Amino acid sequence: MKTVYLARLADCPTSPRKMRLVADQIRGMRVDLALYLLKTSPKEASRRLQKLLLSAISNWQKKNEGERIEDANLVVASIQVDGGRMLKRVQPAPQGRAHRVRKRSNHVTMILDTMVEVQDAMVEETATSKEI
C-alpha cells in the first residue's frame, strides 16, 4: 500500500515564477539536502518552501510514529506551483493616466515519498514507454 505525505500552501503572496525557480531546485532531492538548500538560499520563496517542507515532514511523522526520519530515505517526489488569485491595483502615471499593477499569488503542493517507491515508479514508467 502506497501512502502519500502531502503539504499544501495556498494564496502565498509571491509570484508563481519566482516560486517555481526555487521549487525546481529541490524537486527530486532528498529531504535533508532540500532543507539545507532552502535554509541557505537568500530568496524569499525559499523561506516559505522551507516551512512547507517542514510541514510535510511533520505529516510523515504523524503517520509513521516510532520510525526515524533518517532511515526513511524521504524524497521530494513532486512539487507543483500553480497561479493563485491576482489582486489588481492602480499605479498613478504621468498626464492623468493610470497603469494597472497585478499582484500575483500562488498555490504550492508538495508530495514526499520514500526513495525506493520513487525508483519503482520510474522503472514502471520506462517499462511502459518501451512497450509502446
Protein backbone atom coordinates (compact mmCIF):
# COMPACT_ATOMS: atom_id res chain seq x y z
CA MET A 1 0.00 0.00 0.00
CA LYS A 2 1.41 3.34 -1.03
CA THR A 3 0.80 6.33 1.19
CA VAL A 4 1.49 9.90 0.20
CA TYR A 5 2.77 12.58 2.54
CA LEU A 6 1.36 15.87 1.39
CA ALA A 7 1.51 19.55 2.34
CA ARG A 8 -0.21 22.50 0.67
CA LEU A 9 0.39 26.23 0.75
CA ALA A 10 -2.49 28.36 -0.54
CA ASP A 11 -2.55 32.03 -1.59
CA CYS A 12 1.13 32.68 -0.98
CA PRO A 13 1.79 36.34 -1.91
CA THR A 14 4.74 35.58 -4.19
CA SER A 15 4.63 35.42 -7.96
CA PRO A 16 4.45 31.85 -9.30
CA ARG A 17 7.50 32.40 -11.50
CA LYS A 18 9.72 33.29 -8.53
CA MET A 19 8.38 30.34 -6.53
CA ARG A 20 8.98 27.90 -9.41
CA LEU A 21 12.66 28.93 -9.59
CA VAL A 22 13.21 27.63 -6.06
CA ALA A 23 10.80 24.67 -6.38
CA ASP A 24 12.65 23.36 -9.45
CA GLN A 25 15.89 23.25 -7.44
CA ILE A 26 14.52 20.87 -4.77
CA ARG A 27 12.32 18.61 -6.93
CA GLY A 28 13.57 15.02 -6.66
CA MET A 29 16.06 15.89 -3.90
CA ARG A 30 16.44 14.10 -0.57
CA VAL A 31 14.66 15.89 2.27
CA ASP A 32 17.75 16.69 4.33
CA LEU A 33 19.57 18.18 1.34
CA ALA A 34 16.47 20.14 0.32
CA LEU A 35 16.17 21.60 3.82
CA TYR A 36 19.82 22.65 3.76
CA LEU A 37 19.45 24.25 0.32
CA LEU A 38 16.32 26.15 1.34
CA LYS A 39 17.89 27.29 4.60
CA THR A 40 20.95 28.76 2.87
CA SER A 41 19.17 30.29 -0.12
CA PRO A 42 18.71 34.10 0.02
CA LYS A 43 15.41 34.08 -1.90
CA GLU A 44 12.12 34.96 -0.19
CA ALA A 45 10.37 31.96 -1.75
CA SER A 46 12.86 29.58 -0.11
CA ARG A 47 11.70 30.62 3.38
CA ARG A 48 8.11 29.78 2.51
CA LEU A 49 9.07 26.45 0.89
CA GLN A 50 11.20 25.57 3.91
CA LYS A 51 8.16 25.93 6.19
CA LEU A 52 6.09 23.88 3.74
CA LEU A 53 8.72 21.12 3.66
CA LEU A 54 8.83 21.04 7.47
CA SER A 55 5.03 20.70 7.45
CA ALA A 56 5.22 17.76 5.03
CA ILE A 57 7.86 16.11 7.24
CA SER A 58 5.57 16.61 10.24
CA ASN A 59 2.75 14.92 8.32
CA TRP A 60 5.09 11.97 7.65
CA GLN A 61 5.97 11.76 11.34
CA LYS A 62 2.30 11.63 12.35
CA LYS A 63 1.64 8.68 10.03
CA ASN A 64 4.87 6.85 10.97
CA GLU A 65 5.24 7.13 14.73
CA GLY A 66 8.27 5.39 16.16
CA GLU A 67 10.28 5.47 12.91
CA ARG A 68 13.37 7.58 12.40
CA ILE A 69 13.32 10.10 9.60
CA GLU A 70 16.98 9.34 8.75
CA ASP A 71 16.08 5.71 7.96
CA ALA A 72 13.07 6.59 5.78
CA ASN A 73 15.02 7.96 2.75
CA LEU A 74 12.38 10.62 2.10
CA VAL A 75 12.49 12.47 -1.22
CA VAL A 76 10.58 15.48 -2.55
CA ALA A 77 8.75 13.37 -5.14
CA SER A 78 6.61 16.15 -6.56
CA ILE A 79 6.26 19.87 -6.08
CA GLN A 80 3.74 21.83 -8.10
CA VAL A 81 3.33 25.62 -8.21
CA ASP A 82 0.04 26.95 -9.60
CA GLY A 83 -1.11 30.52 -10.01
CA GLY A 84 -3.45 31.83 -7.35
CA ARG A 85 -5.69 34.84 -7.24
CA MET A 86 -4.45 38.14 -8.58
CA LEU A 87 -5.04 41.45 -6.81
CA LYS A 88 -5.48 44.25 -9.32
CA ARG A 89 -4.25 47.68 -8.23
CA VAL A 90 -3.77 51.03 -9.95
CA GLN A 91 -0.46 52.89 -10.16
CA PRO A 92 -0.67 56.61 -10.95
CA ALA A 93 1.09 57.56 -14.19
CA PRO A 94 2.01 60.89 -15.80
CA GLN A 95 -0.56 63.14 -17.51
CA GLY A 96 -3.52 61.84 -15.52
CA ARG A 97 -3.18 58.28 -16.71
CA ALA A 98 -3.10 55.09 -14.64
CA HIS A 99 -1.23 51.82 -15.07
CA ARG A 100 -2.59 48.53 -13.80
CA VAL A 101 -0.47 46.59 -11.28
CA ARG A 102 -1.14 42.86 -10.94
CA LYS A 103 -0.10 41.48 -7.56
CA ARG A 104 0.21 37.75 -8.11
CA SER A 105 -0.06 34.88 -5.66
CA ASN A 106 0.36 31.13 -5.94
CA HIS A 107 -0.61 27.73 -4.55
CA VAL A 108 2.08 25.13 -3.83
CA THR A 109 1.54 21.38 -3.39
CA MET A 110 4.45 19.26 -2.13
CA ILE A 111 4.44 15.45 -2.05
CA LEU A 112 7.04 13.41 -0.15
CA ASP A 113 7.75 9.76 -0.87
CA THR A 114 10.37 7.19 0.05
CA MET A 115 13.34 6.70 -2.25
CA VAL A 116 12.50 3.05 -3.03
CA GLU A 117 8.93 3.82 -4.13
CA VAL A 118 10.10 6.66 -6.37
CA GLN A 119 12.64 4.37 -8.08
CA ASP A 120 9.99 1.65 -8.56
CA ALA A 121 7.66 4.17 -10.21
CA MET A 122 10.44 5.29 -12.55
CA VAL A 123 11.18 1.68 -13.57
CA GLU A 124 7.48 1.03 -14.28
CA GLU A 125 7.30 4.24 -16.32
CA THR A 126 10.24 3.27 -18.52
CA ALA A 127 8.87 -0.25 -18.98
CA THR A 128 5.52 1.06 -20.23
CA SER A 129 7.20 3.55 -22.57
CA LYS A 130 9.31 0.74 -24.14
CA GLU A 131 6.17 -1.34 -24.79
CA ILE A 132 4.63 1.46 -26.83
